[in-house]
Amino acid sequence: MIGDQIKALRKTLDLTQQAFCERIGIKRNTIAKYETGRGEPIDAVVSLICREFDVSEEWLRTGKGKMFKEKGTDALDILASEYGMSQSD
């Protein structure tokens, strides 16, 4: 269930539901629904989560593979990492 992966990601990042939601621009009760299995995120929300937190979409959807994408080695990825910026920044 994708809600289990969302909760695991949020706990790994040590974020409250509110803080997690603020980063991706959705309401807290929406994440609560996902985490409890009462709702499924649309593709756009999955994309937002993957982009904002550098999460593997395969892992997020299925639980298979590694949670996080491999870190990039090009100059922009390195600078973004040094300045604590996400892909969306």
Protein backbone atom coordinates (compact mmCIF):
# COMPACT_ATOMS: atom_id res chain seq x y z
CA MET A 1 0.00 0.00 0.00
CA ILE A 2 1.44 3.37 -1.03
CA GLY A 3 0.32 4.90 2.27
CA ASP A 4 2.83 2.68 4.09
CA GLN A 5 5.63 4.02 1.91
CA ILE A 6 4.50 7.62 2.43
CA LYS A 7 4.48 7.14 6.20
CA ALA A 8 7.88 5.40 6.13
CA LEU A 9 9.32 8.25 4.06
CA ARG A 10 7.88 10.89 6.37
CA LYS A 11 9.25 9.09 9.45
CA THR A 12 12.67 8.62 7.81
CA LEU A 13 12.78 12.37 7.10
CA ASP A 14 11.60 13.05 10.68
CA LEU A 15 8.74 15.22 9.46
CA THR A 16 5.29 15.70 10.94
CA GLN A 17 2.34 15.27 8.63
CA GLN A 18 1.96 19.06 8.63
CA ALA A 19 5.60 19.71 7.71
CA PHE A 20 5.49 17.04 5.00
CA CYS A 21 2.34 18.56 3.50
CA GLU A 22 3.73 22.08 3.54
CA ARG A 23 6.70 20.94 1.48
CA ILE A 24 4.48 19.53 -1.27
CA GLY A 25 1.55 21.94 -1.00
CA ILE A 26 -1.32 19.68 0.07
CA LYS A 27 -3.52 19.51 3.17
CA ARG A 28 -2.55 17.51 6.25
CA ASN A 29 -5.76 15.48 6.29
CA THR A 30 -4.95 14.31 2.76
CA ILE A 31 -1.69 12.72 3.90
CA ALA A 32 -3.49 11.22 6.89
CA LYS A 33 -5.95 9.55 4.49
CA TYR A 34 -3.11 8.16 2.39
CA GLU A 35 -1.26 6.83 5.42
CA THR A 36 -4.36 5.08 6.79
CA GLY A 37 -5.33 3.60 3.43
CA ARG A 38 -8.53 5.61 3.07
CA GLY A 39 -7.30 7.24 -0.12
CA GLU A 40 -4.72 6.94 -2.87
CA PRO A 41 -2.64 9.84 -4.17
CA ILE A 42 -3.14 10.90 -7.76
CA ASP A 43 -0.16 10.72 -10.11
CA ALA A 44 0.55 14.45 -9.70
CA VAL A 45 0.95 14.04 -5.93
CA VAL A 46 3.21 11.03 -6.40
CA SER A 47 5.35 13.13 -8.75
CA LEU A 48 5.49 15.99 -6.23
CA ILE A 49 6.64 13.65 -3.47
CA CYS A 50 9.28 12.05 -5.66
CA ARG A 51 10.62 15.39 -6.86
CA GLU A 52 10.60 17.20 -3.52
CA PHE A 53 12.19 14.40 -1.51
CA ASP A 54 14.30 12.71 -4.24
CA VAL A 55 12.35 9.49 -3.79
CA SER A 56 12.30 6.60 -6.22
CA GLU A 57 8.86 6.37 -7.80
CA GLU A 58 9.14 2.58 -7.99
CA TRP A 59 9.80 2.39 -4.26
CA LEU A 60 7.00 4.83 -3.45
CA ARG A 61 4.44 2.90 -5.51
CA THR A 62 5.56 -0.67 -4.78
CA GLY A 63 7.98 -0.68 -1.86
CA LYS A 64 10.60 -2.34 -4.08
CA GLY A 65 14.12 -1.04 -4.53
CA LYS A 66 15.76 1.84 -2.68
CA MET A 67 13.80 4.63 -1.05
CA PHE A 68 15.91 7.45 -2.41
CA LYS A 69 17.18 8.11 -5.91
CA GLU A 70 20.90 7.97 -6.49
CA LYS A 71 22.48 11.36 -5.94
CA GLY A 72 23.37 13.18 -9.12
CA THR A 73 26.92 14.04 -9.90
CA ASP A 74 26.48 16.93 -12.29
CA ALA A 75 27.32 20.47 -11.21
CA LEU A 76 23.71 21.53 -10.61
CA ASP A 77 23.00 18.52 -8.40
CA ILE A 78 26.14 19.16 -6.36
CA LEU A 79 25.32 22.86 -5.88
CA ALA A 80 21.72 22.07 -4.95
CA SER A 81 22.96 19.59 -2.37
CA GLU A 82 25.47 22.04 -0.89
CA TYR A 83 22.80 24.72 -0.48
CA GLY A 84 20.09 22.35 0.78
CA MET A 85 17.87 22.94 -2.22
CA SER A 86 15.32 20.49 -3.57
CA GLN A 87 14.78 19.71 -7.24
CA SER A 88 11.86 22.13 -7.31
CA ASP A 89 14.04 25.01 -6.01
